[in-house]
C-alpha atoms as a PDB file:
ATOM      1  CA  MET A   1     -22.238   6.785  12.579  1.00  0.00           C
ATOM      2  CA  PRO A   2     -21.614   3.614  10.086  1.00  0.00           C
ATOM      3  CA  PRO A   3     -21.790   0.359  12.150  1.00  0.00           C
ATOM      4  CA  ASP A   4     -19.245  -1.434  14.071  1.00  0.00           C
ATOM      5  CA  HIS A   5     -16.590  -2.744  11.204  1.00  0.00           C
ATOM      6  CA  ASP A   6     -16.401  -6.339  11.484  1.00  0.00           C
ATOM      7  CA  LEU A   7     -12.642  -7.134  11.808  1.00  0.00           C
ATOM      8  CA  THR A   8     -12.857 -10.577  10.447  1.00  0.00           C
ATOM      9  CA  ASP A   9     -13.648  -8.619   6.857  1.00  0.00           C
ATOM     10  CA  VAL A  10     -10.211  -7.269   7.256  1.00  0.00           C
ATOM     11  CA  VAL A  11      -7.473  -9.690   8.855  1.00  0.00           C
ATOM     12  CA  ASP A  12      -6.144 -12.200   6.372  1.00  0.00           C
ATOM     13  CA  VAL A  13      -5.642 -15.756   7.984  1.00  0.00           C
ATOM     14  CA  ASN A  14      -4.015 -16.666   4.344  1.00  0.00           C
ATOM     15  CA  TYR A  15      -0.733 -15.244   4.521  1.00  0.00           C
ATOM     16  CA  LEU A  16       0.948 -15.733   7.548  1.00  0.00           C
ATOM     17  CA  PRO A  17       3.812 -13.000   7.479  1.00  0.00           C
ATOM     18  CA  LEU A  18       7.336 -13.287   8.768  1.00  0.00           C
ATOM     19  CA  GLN A  19       8.154 -11.413  12.131  1.00  0.00           C
ATOM     20  CA  GLY A  20      11.816 -11.137  10.316  1.00  0.00           C
ATOM     21  CA  LEU A  21      14.311 -12.524   8.346  1.00  0.00           C
ATOM     22  CA  GLN A  22      14.776 -16.041   8.685  1.00  0.00           C
ATOM     23  CA  PRO A  23      18.243 -17.330   7.074  1.00  0.00           C
ATOM     24  CA  GLY A  24      17.057 -20.723   7.471  1.00  0.00           C
ATOM     25  CA  LEU A  25      13.765 -20.907   6.104  1.00  0.00           C
ATOM     26  CA  ARG A  26      13.768 -22.136   2.074  1.00  0.00           C
ATOM     27  CA  GLY A  27      11.277 -20.557   0.008  1.00  0.00           C
ATOM     28  CA  GLN A  28       8.441 -22.400  -2.112  1.00  0.00           C
ATOM     29  CA  CYS A  29       7.067 -19.972  -4.332  1.00  0.00           C
ATOM     30  CA  TRP A  30       8.302 -16.751  -5.401  1.00  0.00           C
ATOM     31  CA  LEU A  31       7.522 -13.074  -6.576  1.00  0.00           C
ATOM     32  CA  VAL A  32      10.271 -12.263  -9.137  1.00  0.00           C
ATOM     33  CA  LEU A  33      10.257  -8.714 -10.122  1.00  0.00           C
ATOM     34  CA  PHE A  34      12.138  -6.675 -12.729  1.00  0.00           C
ATOM     35  CA  GLU A  35      12.350  -3.068 -13.102  1.00  0.00           C
ATOM     36  CA  GLY A  36       8.924  -3.088 -10.393  1.00  0.00           C
ATOM     37  CA  GLN A  37       7.301  -5.222 -12.996  1.00  0.00           C
ATOM     38  CA  VAL A  38       5.657  -8.316 -11.730  1.00  0.00           C
ATOM     39  CA  VAL A  39       7.583 -11.115 -13.818  1.00  0.00           C
ATOM     40  CA  LEU A  40       4.872 -13.681 -14.860  1.00  0.00           C
ATOM     41  CA  ASN A  41       4.537 -17.560 -14.689  1.00  0.00           C
ATOM     42  CA  ASP A  42       2.649 -18.703 -17.707  1.00  0.00           C
ATOM     43  CA  GLU A  43       3.723 -22.128 -16.813  1.00  0.00           C
ATOM     44  CA  VAL A  44       1.107 -22.515 -13.859  1.00  0.00           C
ATOM     45  CA  SER A  45      -2.441 -22.144 -13.217  1.00  0.00           C
ATOM     46  CA  GLY A  46      -3.938 -20.450 -10.640  1.00  0.00           C
ATOM     47  CA  GLU A  47      -1.378 -17.833  -9.153  1.00  0.00           C
ATOM     48  CA  ASN A  48       0.395 -17.128 -12.121  1.00  0.00           C
ATOM     49  CA  PHE A  49       2.693 -14.690 -11.127  1.00  0.00           C
ATOM     50  CA  LEU A  50       4.069 -17.308  -8.624  1.00  0.00           C
ATOM     51  CA  TRP A  51       7.698 -19.005  -9.520  1.00  0.00           C
ATOM     52  CA  TYR A  52       8.596 -21.987  -8.063  1.00  0.00           C
ATOM     53  CA  SER A  53      12.162 -22.057  -8.655  1.00  0.00           C
ATOM     54  CA  LEU A  54      14.642 -19.579  -8.828  1.00  0.00           C
ATOM     55  CA  ASP A  55      16.764 -22.199 -11.370  1.00  0.00           C
ATOM     56  CA  LYS A  56      15.908 -19.484 -14.462  1.00  0.00           C
ATOM     57  CA  PHE A  57      17.201 -16.659 -12.774  1.00  0.00           C
ATOM     58  CA  LEU A  58      20.567 -17.492 -10.697  1.00  0.00           C
ATOM     59  CA  LEU A  59      22.584 -15.627 -13.175  1.00  0.00           C
ATOM     60  CA  ALA A  60      20.540 -12.259 -12.439  1.00  0.00           C
ATOM     61  CA  ILE A  61      19.207 -11.720  -8.600  1.00  0.00           C
ATOM     62  CA  LYS A  62      20.323  -8.582  -7.656  1.00  0.00           C
ATOM     63  CA  GLN A  63      20.560  -9.670  -3.819  1.00  0.00           C
ATOM     64  CA  GLU A  64      19.370 -12.331  -1.815  1.00  0.00           C
ATOM     65  CA  ALA A  65      16.434 -13.444  -1.953  1.00  0.00           C
ATOM     66  CA  ILE A  66      13.866 -13.054   1.236  1.00  0.00           C
ATOM     67  CA  VAL A  67      11.392 -15.425   2.305  1.00  0.00           C
ATOM     68  CA  THR A  68       8.691 -13.272   3.834  1.00  0.00           C
ATOM     69  CA  GLY A  69       6.030 -15.321   5.202  1.00  0.00           C
ATOM     70  CA  TYR A  70       3.828 -18.412   4.284  1.00  0.00           C
ATOM     71  CA  LEU A  71       0.912 -17.824   1.463  1.00  0.00           C
ATOM     72  CA  HIS A  72      -1.404 -20.736   1.836  1.00  0.00           C
ATOM     73  CA  ASP A  73       0.302 -22.657   4.252  1.00  0.00           C
ATOM     74  CA  ARG A  74       3.722 -22.302   1.449  1.00  0.00           C
ATOM     75  CA  ALA A  75       6.740 -20.182   2.312  1.00  0.00           C
ATOM     76  CA  VAL A  76       6.889 -17.648  -0.301  1.00  0.00           C
ATOM     77  CA  GLY A  77       9.431 -15.110  -0.786  1.00  0.00           C
ATOM     78  CA  ILE A  78      10.156 -12.017  -2.981  1.00  0.00           C
ATOM     79  CA  VAL A  79      12.873 -11.488  -5.522  1.00  0.00           C
ATOM     80  CA  GLU A  80      14.629  -8.482  -7.794  1.00  0.00           C
ATOM     81  CA  LEU A  81      16.473  -9.367 -10.588  1.00  0.00           C
ATOM     82  CA  SER A  82      19.209  -7.222 -12.541  1.00  0.00           C
ATOM     83  CA  ARG A  83      17.884  -8.513 -16.088  1.00  0.00           C
ATOM     84  CA  LEU A  84      15.438 -10.861 -17.563  1.00  0.00           C
ATOM     85  CA  THR A  85      16.695 -13.576 -18.590  1.00  0.00           C
ATOM     86  CA  VAL A  86      13.370 -15.387 -19.714  1.00  0.00           C
ATOM     87  CA  GLU A  87      10.352 -14.893 -22.167  1.00  0.00           C
ATOM     88  CA  ALA A  88       7.511 -13.697 -19.969  1.00  0.00           C
ATOM     89  CA  GLY A  89       5.240 -11.382 -19.861  1.00  0.00           C
ATOM     90  CA  THR A  90       5.323  -8.429 -16.915  1.00  0.00           C
ATOM     91  CA  ALA A  91       2.541  -6.774 -15.003  1.00  0.00           C
ATOM     92  CA  SER A  92       2.332  -3.899 -12.487  1.00  0.00           C
ATOM     93  CA  VAL A  93       2.329  -4.479  -9.283  1.00  0.00           C
ATOM     94  CA  ARG A  94      -0.894  -1.863  -9.160  1.00  0.00           C
ATOM     95  CA  ALA A  95      -2.387  -3.905 -12.007  1.00  0.00           C
ATOM     96  CA  LEU A  96      -1.821  -7.025 -10.028  1.00  0.00           C
ATOM     97  CA  MET A  97      -3.292  -5.830  -6.738  1.00  0.00           C
ATOM     98  CA  SER A  98      -6.605  -4.770  -9.229  1.00  0.00           C
ATOM     99  CA  VAL A  99      -7.714  -8.224  -9.639  1.00  0.00           C
ATOM    100  CA  SER A 100      -6.062 -10.327  -6.511  1.00  0.00           C
ATOM    101  CA  ASP A 101      -7.697 -10.614  -3.132  1.00  0.00           C
ATOM    102  CA  SER A 102      -6.847  -9.996   0.270  1.00  0.00           C
ATOM    103  CA  THR A 103      -4.927 -12.816   1.092  1.00  0.00           C
ATOM    104  CA  VAL A 104      -2.289 -11.919  -2.080  1.00  0.00           C
ATOM    105  CA  TYR A 105      -3.264  -8.344  -1.550  1.00  0.00           C
ATOM    106  CA  SER A 106      -0.861  -9.131   2.144  1.00  0.00           C
ATOM    107  CA  PHE A 107       1.540 -10.734   0.685  1.00  0.00           C
ATOM    108  CA  LEU A 108       2.020  -8.670  -1.850  1.00  0.00           C
ATOM    109  CA  SER A 109       1.963  -5.726   0.288  1.00  0.00           C
ATOM    110  CA  HIS A 110       4.215  -6.458   3.041  1.00  0.00           C
ATOM    111  CA  GLY A 111       7.048  -8.551   0.938  1.00  0.00           C
ATOM    112  CA  LEU A 112       7.392  -5.331  -1.599  1.00  0.00           C
ATOM    113  CA  GLN A 113       7.770  -3.347   1.786  1.00  0.00           C
ATOM    114  CA  ILE A 114      10.630  -5.782   3.173  1.00  0.00           C
ATOM    115  CA  LEU A 115      12.160  -5.601  -0.305  1.00  0.00           C
ATOM    116  CA  THR A 116      11.943  -1.412  -0.617  1.00  0.00           C
ATOM    117  CA  SER A 117      13.173  -1.147   3.264  1.00  0.00           C
ATOM    118  CA  ARG A 118      16.668  -3.605   1.767  1.00  0.00           C
ATOM    119  CA  LYS A 119      17.324  -1.340  -0.369  1.00  0.00           C
ATOM    120  CA  GLU A 120      16.730   1.808   1.128  1.00  0.00           C
ATOM    121  CA  TYR A 121      18.694   1.026   4.141  1.00  0.00           C
ATOM    122  CA  ALA A 122      21.643  -0.732   2.244  1.00  0.00           C
ATOM    123  CA  PHE A 123      23.768   2.319   3.829  1.00  0.00           C
ATOM    124  CA  CYS A 124      23.713   3.418   7.335  1.00  0.00           C
ATOM    125  CA  GLY A 125      21.782   6.755   7.727  1.00  0.00           C
ATOM    126  CA  CYS A 126      24.045   7.878  10.386  1.00  0.00           C
ATOM    127  CA  CYS A 127      27.628   7.224   9.645  1.00  0.00           C
ATOM    128  CA  GLY A 128      27.375   5.931   6.046  1.00  0.00           C
ATOM    129  CA  HIS A 129      28.852   2.575   6.066  1.00  0.00           C
ATOM    130  CA  GLN A 130      26.782  -0.681   4.612  1.00  0.00           C
ATOM    131  CA  THR A 131      24.310  -2.373   6.065  1.00  0.00           C
ATOM    132  CA  GLN A 132      23.800  -6.092   6.751  1.00  0.00           C
ATOM    133  CA  GLU A 133      20.434  -7.609   7.306  1.00  0.00           C
ATOM    134  CA  LYS A 134      19.641  -9.223  11.020  1.00  0.00           C
ATOM    135  CA  ALA A 135      17.967 -12.667  11.686  1.00  0.00           C
ATOM    136  CA  GLY A 136      14.781 -12.533  13.383  1.00  0.00           C
ATOM    137  CA  GLU A 137      13.847  -8.715  12.437  1.00  0.00           C
ATOM    138  CA  TRP A 138      13.667  -7.207   9.534  1.00  0.00           C
ATOM    139  CA  ALA A 139      15.777  -4.347  10.288  1.00  0.00           C
ATOM    140  CA  MET A 140      19.124  -3.457   8.788  1.00  0.00           C
ATOM    141  CA  VAL A 141      22.176  -3.391  10.986  1.00  0.00           C
ATOM    142  CA  CYS A 142      24.824  -0.492  10.101  1.00  0.00           C
ATOM    143  CA  VAL A 143      28.422  -3.176  10.409  1.00  0.00           C
ATOM    144  CA  GLN A 144      30.000   0.060  11.774  1.00  0.00           C
ATOM    145  CA  CYS A 145      28.124   2.111  14.040  1.00  0.00           C
ATOM    146  CA  GLY A 146      25.462  -0.783  14.980  1.00  0.00           C
ATOM    147  CA  HIS A 147      22.734   1.689  13.875  1.00  0.00           C
ATOM    148  CA  HIS A 148      19.273  -0.443  13.548  1.00  0.00           C
ATOM    149  CA  ALA A 149      17.396   0.795  10.262  1.00  0.00           C
ATOM    150  CA  TYR A 150      13.556  -0.687  10.686  1.00  0.00           C
ATOM    151  CA  PRO A 151      10.968  -0.734   7.679  1.00  0.00           C
ATOM    152  CA  ARG A 152       9.616   2.787   7.262  1.00  0.00           C
ATOM    153  CA  ILE A 153       5.980   3.155   7.715  1.00  0.00           C
ATOM    154  CA  SER A 154       4.514   6.309   6.712  1.00  0.00           C
ATOM    155  CA  PRO A 155       1.105   6.954   8.179  1.00  0.00           C
ATOM    156  CA  CYS A 156      -1.465   8.800   5.804  1.00  0.00           C
ATOM    157  CA  ILE A 157      -4.758   9.791   6.601  1.00  0.00           C
ATOM    158  CA  ILE A 158      -7.978   9.032   3.967  1.00  0.00           C
ATOM    159  CA  VAL A 159     -11.444  10.528   4.468  1.00  0.00           C
ATOM    160  CA  LEU A 160     -14.832  10.181   3.165  1.00  0.00           C
ATOM    161  CA  VAL A 161     -16.656  13.256   3.918  1.00  0.00           C
ATOM    162  CA  THR A 162     -20.385  13.251   3.504  1.00  0.00           C
ATOM    163  CA  ARG A 163     -23.327  16.129   3.576  1.00  0.00           C
ATOM    164  CA  GLY A 164     -26.523  14.106   4.326  1.00  0.00           C
ATOM    165  CA  ASP A 165     -27.225  11.370   1.177  1.00  0.00           C
ATOM    166  CA  GLU A 166     -23.639  13.663  -0.537  1.00  0.00           C
ATOM    167  CA  MET A 167     -20.821  11.789  -1.124  1.00  0.00           C
ATOM    168  CA  LEU A 168     -17.385  15.045  -1.424  1.00  0.00           C
ATOM    169  CA  LEU A 169     -15.351  13.278  -3.896  1.00  0.00           C
ATOM    170  CA  VAL A 170     -11.805  14.806  -6.075  1.00  0.00           C
ATOM    171  CA  ARG A 171     -10.005  14.005  -8.714  1.00  0.00           C
ATOM    172  CA  HIS A 172      -5.970  14.677  -8.037  1.00  0.00           C
ATOM    173  CA  HIS A 173      -3.425  16.256 -10.991  1.00  0.00           C
ATOM    174  CA  ARG A 174      -1.465  13.010 -10.448  1.00  0.00           C
ATOM    175  CA  HIS A 175      -4.169  10.518 -12.194  1.00  0.00           C
ATOM    176  CA  GLY A 176      -3.919  12.846 -15.285  1.00  0.00           C
ATOM    177  CA  LYS A 177      -6.145  15.466 -17.115  1.00  0.00           C
ATOM    178  CA  GLU A 178      -8.095  12.554 -19.237  1.00  0.00           C
ATOM    179  CA  SER A 179      -8.848  10.373 -16.087  1.00  0.00           C
ATOM    180  CA  THR A 180     -11.756  10.318 -14.620  1.00  0.00           C
ATOM    181  CA  MET A 181     -11.424   8.531 -11.910  1.00  0.00           C
ATOM    182  CA  HIS A 182     -12.501  10.422  -8.411  1.00  0.00           C
ATOM    183  CA  THR A 183     -11.520   9.301  -5.423  1.00  0.00           C
ATOM    184  CA  LEU A 184     -11.513  11.105  -1.643  1.00  0.00           C
ATOM    185  CA  VAL A 185      -9.232  13.645  -0.027  1.00  0.00           C
ATOM    186  CA  ALA A 186      -5.718  11.957   1.274  1.00  0.00           C
ATOM    187  CA  GLY A 187      -2.744  13.218   3.097  1.00  0.00           C
ATOM    188  CA  PHE A 188       0.534  12.307   4.706  1.00  0.00           C
ATOM    189  CA  VAL A 189       0.248  12.652   9.396  1.00  0.00           C
ATOM    190  CA  GLU A 190       2.736  15.755   9.618  1.00  0.00           C
ATOM    191  CA  PRO A 191       5.068  15.263  12.898  1.00  0.00           C
ATOM    192  CA  GLY A 192       3.684  16.000  16.116  1.00  0.00           C
ATOM    193  CA  GLU A 193       0.063  15.552  14.756  1.00  0.00           C
ATOM    194  CA  SER A 194      -2.527  13.263  15.559  1.00  0.00           C
ATOM    195  CA  ALA A 195      -4.312  10.813  12.990  1.00  0.00           C
ATOM    196  CA  GLU A 196      -7.513  12.820  13.627  1.00  0.00           C
ATOM    197  CA  GLU A 197      -5.832  16.143  13.306  1.00  0.00           C
ATOM    198  CA  ALA A 198      -4.674  15.198   9.562  1.00  0.00           C
ATOM    199  CA  VAL A 199      -7.884  14.349   8.603  1.00  0.00           C
ATOM    200  CA  HIS A 200      -9.405  18.368   9.852  1.00  0.00           C
ATOM    201  CA  ARG A 201      -6.341  20.050   8.306  1.00  0.00           C
ATOM    202  CA  GLU A 202      -6.128  18.191   5.012  1.00  0.00           C
ATOM    203  CA  VAL A 203      -9.749  18.743   4.159  1.00  0.00           C
ATOM    204  CA  LEU A 204      -9.777  21.754   5.586  1.00  0.00           C
ATOM    205  CA  GLU A 205      -6.198  22.517   3.266  1.00  0.00           C
ATOM    206  CA  GLU A 206      -7.274  20.939   0.115  1.00  0.00           C
ATOM    207  CA  THR A 207     -11.253  21.831   0.023  1.00  0.00           C
ATOM    208  CA  GLY A 208     -11.659  24.645   2.481  1.00  0.00           C
ATOM    209  CA  LEU A 209     -14.639  22.541   4.176  1.00  0.00           C
ATOM    210  CA  THR A 210     -14.331  21.897   7.903  1.00  0.00           C
ATOM    211  CA  LEU A 211     -15.750  18.728   9.441  1.00  0.00           C
ATOM    212  CA  GLY A 212     -18.112  17.763  12.763  1.00  0.00           C
ATOM    213  CA  LYS A 213     -18.212  14.602  13.693  1.00  0.00           C
ATOM    214  CA  LEU A 214     -15.496  12.446  12.747  1.00  0.00           C
ATOM    215  CA  HIS A 215     -15.340   8.266  12.977  1.00  0.00           C
ATOM    216  CA  TYR A 216     -12.510   6.166  12.417  1.00  0.00           C
ATOM    217  CA  CYS A 217     -13.363   3.172  10.005  1.00  0.00           C
ATOM    218  CA  PHE A 218     -10.053   0.959   9.010  1.00  0.00           C
ATOM    219  CA  SER A 219      -6.851   0.904   7.545  1.00  0.00           C
ATOM    220  CA  GLN A 220      -4.976  -0.306   4.686  1.00  0.00           C
ATOM    221  CA  SER A 221      -1.050  -0.919   4.082  1.00  0.00           C
ATOM    222  CA  TRP A 222      -0.377   0.497   0.768  1.00  0.00           C
ATOM    223  CA  PRO A 223       3.149  -0.322  -0.376  1.00  0.00           C
ATOM    224  CA  PHE A 224       3.795   2.738  -2.772  1.00  0.00           C
ATOM    225  CA  PRO A 225       6.379   2.612  -1.410  1.00  0.00           C
ATOM    226  CA  HIS A 226       5.446   2.276   2.400  1.00  0.00           C
ATOM    227  CA  SER A 227       2.391   4.132   4.172  1.00  0.00           C
ATOM    228  CA  LEU A 228      -0.553   2.826   6.393  1.00  0.00           C
ATOM    229  CA  MET A 229      -4.145   4.359   5.163  1.00  0.00           C
ATOM    230  CA  MET A 230      -6.153   5.422   7.781  1.00  0.00           C
ATOM    231  CA  GLY A 231      -9.599   5.309   6.770  1.00  0.00           C
ATOM    232  CA  PHE A 232     -11.709   8.274   8.416  1.00  0.00           C
ATOM    233  CA  HIS A 233     -15.600   9.128   7.498  1.00  0.00           C
ATOM    234  CA  GLY A 234     -16.235  12.594   8.379  1.00  0.00           C
ATOM    235  CA  GLU A 235     -19.634  15.038   8.736  1.00  0.00           C
ATOM    236  CA  TYR A 236     -19.875  17.873   6.470  1.00  0.00           C
ATOM    237  CA  LYS A 237     -20.016  21.236   9.770  1.00  0.00           C
ATOM    238  CA  ALA A 238     -19.190  24.207   7.415  1.00  0.00           C
ATOM    239  CA  GLY A 239     -17.516  25.919   4.340  1.00  0.00           C
ATOM    240  CA  GLU A 240     -17.581  26.534   0.548  1.00  0.00           C
ATOM    241  CA  LEU A 241     -15.333  24.110  -1.543  1.00  0.00           C
ATOM    242  CA  VAL A 242     -12.728  26.307  -2.759  1.00  0.00           C
ATOM    243  CA  LEU A 243     -10.143  23.787  -4.003  1.00  0.00           C
ATOM    244  CA  GLU A 244      -6.403  23.432  -3.622  1.00  0.00           C
ATOM    245  CA  GLU A 245      -5.170  23.598  -7.346  1.00  0.00           C
ATOM    246  CA  LYS A 246      -1.940  22.898  -6.633  1.00  0.00           C
ATOM    247  CA  GLU A 247      -2.950  18.974  -6.211  1.00  0.00           C
ATOM    248  CA  LEU A 248      -6.746  18.969  -7.311  1.00  0.00           C
ATOM    249  CA  CYS A 249      -8.082  19.338 -10.705  1.00  0.00           C
ATOM    250  CA  PHE A 250     -11.761  18.882  -9.871  1.00  0.00           C
ATOM    251  CA  GLY A 251     -13.973  18.207  -6.427  1.00  0.00           C
ATOM    252  CA  GLY A 252     -17.915  17.821  -6.054  1.00  0.00           C
ATOM    253  CA  TRP A 253     -20.719  16.847  -4.129  1.00  0.00           C
ATOM    254  CA  PHE A 254     -22.413  13.614  -5.429  1.00  0.00           C
ATOM    255  CA  HIS A 255     -25.426  11.657  -4.385  1.00  0.00           C
ATOM    256  CA  ARG A 256     -24.338   8.441  -2.826  1.00  0.00           C
ATOM    257  CA  ASP A 257     -26.607   6.361  -5.342  1.00  0.00           C
ATOM    258  CA  ASN A 258     -25.375   8.065  -8.364  1.00  0.00           C
ATOM    259  CA  PRO A 259     -21.676   8.288  -8.147  1.00  0.00           C
ATOM    260  CA  PRO A 260     -19.210   9.265 -10.719  1.00  0.00           C
ATOM    261  CA  ASP A 261     -16.546   6.607 -11.762  1.00  0.00           C
ATOM    262  CA  LEU A 262     -14.814   5.083  -8.420  1.00  0.00           C
ATOM    263  CA  PRO A 263     -11.252   3.749  -7.330  1.00  0.00           C
ATOM    264  CA  PRO A 264     -10.639  -0.041  -8.560  1.00  0.00           C
ATOM    265  CA  GLU A 265     -12.620  -2.546  -5.453  1.00  0.00           C
ATOM    266  CA  PHE A 266      -8.790  -3.608  -3.543  1.00  0.00           C
ATOM    267  CA  THR A 267      -8.076   0.341  -2.710  1.00  0.00           C
ATOM    268  CA  ILE A 268      -9.148   1.824   0.806  1.00  0.00           C
ATOM    269  CA  ALA A 269     -10.580   4.930  -1.338  1.00  0.00           C
ATOM    270  CA  ARG A 270     -13.526   2.231  -2.637  1.00  0.00           C
ATOM    271  CA  LYS A 271     -13.648   0.378   0.126  1.00  0.00           C
ATOM    272  CA  LEU A 272     -14.484   3.770   2.124  1.00  0.00           C
ATOM    273  CA  LEU A 273     -17.288   4.423  -0.161  1.00  0.00           C
ATOM    274  CA  ASP A 274     -18.870   0.757  -0.743  1.00  0.00           C
ATOM    275  CA  PHE A 275     -18.649   0.706   3.180  1.00  0.00           C
ATOM    276  CA  ILE A 276     -20.662   3.847   4.312  1.00  0.00           C
ATOM    277  CA  ARG A 277     -22.682   3.455   1.196  1.00  0.00           C
END
């Protein structure tokens, strides 16, 4: 069983998220998005993806910019453009996260999920009328029937399965046949299911294996688009490796001291692998 995890490693105090919309709060720096890409501000050093003014984008903002919290004591927000009005480089969110520290990751994850919620719930799921933001919360409220739609959070599990000094690693079709990156078994929690039940089910469905002891390790917000990944360590119990070929293109056992290509360090899969090793 792994040692107790130190919560100070996963609780970031340099990004303070707001618990709801504060209409009167003015943003001091902004994450600007265009067609799903981050618009980079090459005019500044340091966190050069942030813009400190939206003056150059005023005619291209899709919806009102959202202040989401405080990053290093500065009010920070997110805004999406309908067109790019400046000459600037762009980067994918995943690429940006891969080189960010935990503070920037927290901001990106929070802000992106708030933006996703605003777009998904622009119209009421009960009566179809337009919604509007509610001050003090992140809910979108129907102007007709009053229904409140809060940001969706989709619970998922991801599990590192070990057999002595060996680790079970898999490759997914979604990463492409040419990818050499190995990762862990993962999946969504089904209605009425506990996270632990989901771990046992996903491992059995995807690999044909059953687990013995199961230990919860830690979680990670994953804004693609709104998942909460709950990381587990499971000990192999029985079974022969039989892959679910619709999702997995490879699976195998690797010695913990000789792993293949692994996911980026910012991912929960890598954190689980490093934590156990």
